[in-house]
């Protein structure tokens, strides 16, 4: 039995030896903030590439919709081109042909055209 006990001790020492490189690998990636640095960097890049430009576009669209006035020539989301004849709180009347008016929501205006585009 002394031989089997010695064999058991060998297995234990091998187990400790296998655990040591795993701990060394953890220290290779760093602990704490250095381990989180790639993830933080990814979120910073995501903010500047996707989130910030989208917020800027939304701000510009809101400013354009707030600045709509009677007589402006606009394009709606459906592709209709016309001239604003009446402005309400949340709806606009747009003349798309002589004598033909449609009502659209303010948010349906995609673009304000230069004066003289609609004839």
C-alpha atoms as a PDB file:
ATOM      1  CA  UNK A   1       0.000   0.000   0.000  1.00  0.00           C
ATOM      2  CA  UNK A   2       2.828   2.479   0.420  1.00  0.00           C
ATOM      3  CA  UNK A   3       3.238   2.543  -3.361  1.00  0.00           C
ATOM      4  CA  UNK A   4      -0.413   3.412  -3.943  1.00  0.00           C
ATOM      5  CA  UNK A   5      -0.232   6.229  -1.381  1.00  0.00           C
ATOM      6  CA  UNK A   6       2.763   7.659  -3.201  1.00  0.00           C
ATOM      7  CA  UNK A   7       0.866   7.399  -6.473  1.00  0.00           C
ATOM      8  CA  UNK A   8      -2.009   9.352  -4.906  1.00  0.00           C
ATOM      9  CA  UNK A   9       0.402  12.133  -3.869  1.00  0.00           C
ATOM     10  CA  UNK A  10       1.663  12.336  -7.441  1.00  0.00           C
ATOM     11  CA  UNK A  11      -1.837  12.922  -8.708  1.00  0.00           C
ATOM     12  CA  UNK A  12      -2.392  15.711  -6.210  1.00  0.00           C
ATOM     13  CA  UNK A  13       0.831  17.440  -7.154  1.00  0.00           C
ATOM     14  CA  UNK A  14      -0.128  17.130 -10.840  1.00  0.00           C
ATOM     15  CA  UNK A  15      -3.457  18.745 -10.090  1.00  0.00           C
ATOM     16  CA  UNK A  16      -1.724  21.691  -8.404  1.00  0.00           C
ATOM     17  CA  UNK A  17       0.673  21.940 -11.303  1.00  0.00           C
ATOM     18  CA  UNK A  18      -2.212  22.134 -13.778  1.00  0.00           C
ATOM     19  CA  UNK A  19      -3.930  24.882 -11.787  1.00  0.00           C
ATOM     20  CA  UNK A  20      -0.843  27.105 -11.791  1.00  0.00           C
ATOM     21  CA  UNK A  21      -0.778  27.934 -15.525  1.00  0.00           C
ATOM     22  CA  UNK A  22      -4.487  28.828 -15.440  1.00  0.00           C
ATOM     23  CA  UNK A  23      -3.774  31.445 -12.783  1.00  0.00           C
ATOM     24  CA  UNK A  24      -0.890  32.743 -14.869  1.00  0.00           C
ATOM     25  CA  UNK A  25      -3.211  33.041 -17.879  1.00  0.00           C
ATOM     26  CA  UNK A  26      -5.643  35.159 -15.833  1.00  0.00           C
ATOM     27  CA  UNK A  27      -2.866  37.560 -14.920  1.00  0.00           C
ATOM     28  CA  UNK A  28      -1.937  37.737 -18.605  1.00  0.00           C
ATOM     29  CA  UNK A  29      -5.278  39.424 -19.415  1.00  0.00           C
ATOM     30  CA  UNK A  30      -4.966  41.711 -16.446  1.00  0.00           C
ATOM     31  CA  UNK A  31      -7.326  42.210 -13.623  1.00  0.00           C
ATOM     32  CA  UNK A  32      -9.835  44.902 -12.882  1.00  0.00           C
ATOM     33  CA  UNK A  33     -10.122  47.825 -15.318  1.00  0.00           C
ATOM     34  CA  UNK A  34      -7.582  46.551 -17.854  1.00  0.00           C
ATOM     35  CA  UNK A  35      -9.747  43.478 -18.444  1.00  0.00           C
ATOM     36  CA  UNK A  36     -12.739  45.727 -19.082  1.00  0.00           C
ATOM     37  CA  UNK A  37     -10.843  48.155 -21.336  1.00  0.00           C
ATOM     38  CA  UNK A  38     -11.730  46.457 -24.681  1.00  0.00           C
ATOM     39  CA  UNK A  39     -15.440  46.442 -23.812  1.00  0.00           C
ATOM     40  CA  UNK A  40     -15.349  50.091 -22.738  1.00  0.00           C
ATOM     41  CA  UNK A  41     -13.478  50.988 -25.919  1.00  0.00           C
ATOM     42  CA  UNK A  42     -16.089  49.156 -27.990  1.00  0.00           C
ATOM     43  CA  UNK A  43     -18.934  51.165 -26.398  1.00  0.00           C
ATOM     44  CA  UNK A  44     -17.070  54.449 -26.994  1.00  0.00           C
ATOM     45  CA  UNK A  45     -16.622  53.597 -30.683  1.00  0.00           C
ATOM     46  CA  UNK A  46     -20.278  52.513 -30.905  1.00  0.00           C
ATOM     47  CA  UNK A  47     -21.356  55.868 -29.450  1.00  0.00           C
ATOM     48  CA  UNK A  48     -19.345  57.932 -31.940  1.00  0.00           C
ATOM     49  CA  UNK A  49     -20.148  55.776 -34.977  1.00  0.00           C
ATOM     50  CA  UNK A  50     -23.848  55.021 -34.447  1.00  0.00           C
ATOM     51  CA  UNK A  51     -25.566  56.761 -31.551  1.00  0.00           C
ATOM     52  CA  UNK A  52     -24.235  60.307 -31.898  1.00  0.00           C
ATOM     53  CA  UNK A  53     -24.980  60.686 -35.652  1.00  0.00           C
ATOM     54  CA  UNK A  54     -28.499  59.285 -35.132  1.00  0.00           C
ATOM     55  CA  UNK A  55     -29.184  61.801 -32.358  1.00  0.00           C
ATOM     56  CA  UNK A  56     -27.912  64.594 -34.625  1.00  0.00           C
ATOM     57  CA  UNK A  57     -30.276  63.509 -37.453  1.00  0.00           C
ATOM     58  CA  UNK A  58     -33.233  63.378 -35.056  1.00  0.00           C
ATOM     59  CA  UNK A  59     -32.422  66.865 -33.777  1.00  0.00           C
ATOM     60  CA  UNK A  60     -32.203  68.245 -37.342  1.00  0.00           C
ATOM     61  CA  UNK A  61     -35.512  66.577 -38.322  1.00  0.00           C
ATOM     62  CA  UNK A  62     -37.274  68.007 -35.258  1.00  0.00           C
ATOM     63  CA  UNK A  63     -35.928  71.494 -36.014  1.00  0.00           C
ATOM     64  CA  UNK A  64     -37.115  71.203 -39.640  1.00  0.00           C
ATOM     65  CA  UNK A  65     -40.613  70.093 -38.587  1.00  0.00           C
ATOM     66  CA  UNK A  66     -40.870  72.871 -35.983  1.00  0.00           C
ATOM     67  CA  UNK A  67     -39.835  75.466 -38.592  1.00  0.00           C
ATOM     68  CA  UNK A  68     -42.552  74.535 -41.132  1.00  0.00           C
ATOM     69  CA  UNK A  69     -44.571  77.530 -42.321  1.00  0.00           C
ATOM     70  CA  UNK A  70     -47.471  78.224 -44.658  1.00  0.00           C
ATOM     71  CA  UNK A  71     -46.267  78.319 -48.261  1.00  0.00           C
ATOM     72  CA  UNK A  72     -43.338  75.910 -47.756  1.00  0.00           C
ATOM     73  CA  UNK A  73     -42.963  73.244 -50.407  1.00  0.00           C
ATOM     74  CA  UNK A  74     -42.495  69.823 -48.863  1.00  0.00           C
ATOM     75  CA  UNK A  75     -42.070  66.112 -49.587  1.00  0.00           C
ATOM     76  CA  UNK A  76     -44.017  63.654 -47.428  1.00  0.00           C
ATOM     77  CA  UNK A  77     -43.028  60.126 -46.446  1.00  0.00           C
ATOM     78  CA  UNK A  78     -45.377  58.792 -49.138  1.00  0.00           C
ATOM     79  CA  UNK A  79     -43.483  60.753 -51.796  1.00  0.00           C
ATOM     80  CA  UNK A  80     -46.183  63.395 -52.258  1.00  0.00           C
ATOM     81  CA  UNK A  81     -44.859  66.829 -53.190  1.00  0.00           C
ATOM     82  CA  UNK A  82     -46.936  69.858 -52.392  1.00  0.00           C
ATOM     83  CA  UNK A  83     -47.281  73.280 -50.821  1.00  0.00           C
ATOM     84  CA  UNK A  84     -48.441  73.806 -47.238  1.00  0.00           C
ATOM     85  CA  UNK A  85     -51.724  75.714 -47.122  1.00  0.00           C
ATOM     86  CA  UNK A  86     -52.762  75.324 -43.471  1.00  0.00           C
ATOM     87  CA  UNK A  87     -50.807  74.474 -40.353  1.00  0.00           C
ATOM     88  CA  UNK A  88     -52.368  72.952 -37.258  1.00  0.00           C
ATOM     89  CA  UNK A  89     -50.965  71.644 -33.992  1.00  0.00           C
ATOM     90  CA  UNK A  90     -50.196  68.174 -35.325  1.00  0.00           C
ATOM     91  CA  UNK A  91     -51.565  68.183 -38.901  1.00  0.00           C
ATOM     92  CA  UNK A  92     -50.790  70.076 -42.100  1.00  0.00           C
ATOM     93  CA  UNK A  93     -52.904  70.677 -45.195  1.00  0.00           C
ATOM     94  CA  UNK A  94     -50.769  70.187 -48.275  1.00  0.00           C
ATOM     95  CA  UNK A  95     -51.947  71.168 -51.748  1.00  0.00           C
ATOM     96  CA  UNK A  96     -50.641  68.504 -54.120  1.00  0.00           C
ATOM     97  CA  UNK A  97     -52.455  69.797 -57.227  1.00  0.00           C
ATOM     98  CA  UNK A  98     -54.641  72.835 -57.889  1.00  0.00           C
ATOM     99  CA  UNK A  99     -57.770  72.313 -55.823  1.00  0.00           C
ATOM    100  CA  UNK A 100     -56.540  69.017 -54.273  1.00  0.00           C
ATOM    101  CA  UNK A 101     -55.512  69.165 -50.622  1.00  0.00           C
ATOM    102  CA  UNK A 102     -54.499  66.361 -48.317  1.00  0.00           C
ATOM    103  CA  UNK A 103     -53.972  66.359 -44.580  1.00  0.00           C
ATOM    104  CA  UNK A 104     -50.770  64.831 -43.239  1.00  0.00           C
ATOM    105  CA  UNK A 105     -49.154  64.665 -39.844  1.00  0.00           C
ATOM    106  CA  UNK A 106     -46.260  67.010 -39.206  1.00  0.00           C
ATOM    107  CA  UNK A 107     -43.972  64.019 -38.747  1.00  0.00           C
ATOM    108  CA  UNK A 108     -44.794  62.808 -42.268  1.00  0.00           C
ATOM    109  CA  UNK A 109     -42.788  65.679 -43.775  1.00  0.00           C
ATOM    110  CA  UNK A 110     -39.409  64.371 -44.866  1.00  0.00           C
ATOM    111  CA  UNK A 111     -37.901  67.342 -46.647  1.00  0.00           C
ATOM    112  CA  UNK A 112     -38.523  71.022 -47.290  1.00  0.00           C
ATOM    113  CA  UNK A 113     -37.895  71.867 -50.929  1.00  0.00           C
ATOM    114  CA  UNK A 114     -36.519  75.158 -52.266  1.00  0.00           C
ATOM    115  CA  UNK A 115     -39.168  77.747 -53.236  1.00  0.00           C
ATOM    116  CA  UNK A 116     -40.427  77.375 -56.789  1.00  0.00           C
ATOM    117  CA  UNK A 117     -39.962  73.593 -57.020  1.00  0.00           C
ATOM    118  CA  UNK A 118     -43.717  72.885 -57.100  1.00  0.00           C
ATOM    119  CA  UNK A 119     -45.569  74.447 -60.026  1.00  0.00           C
END
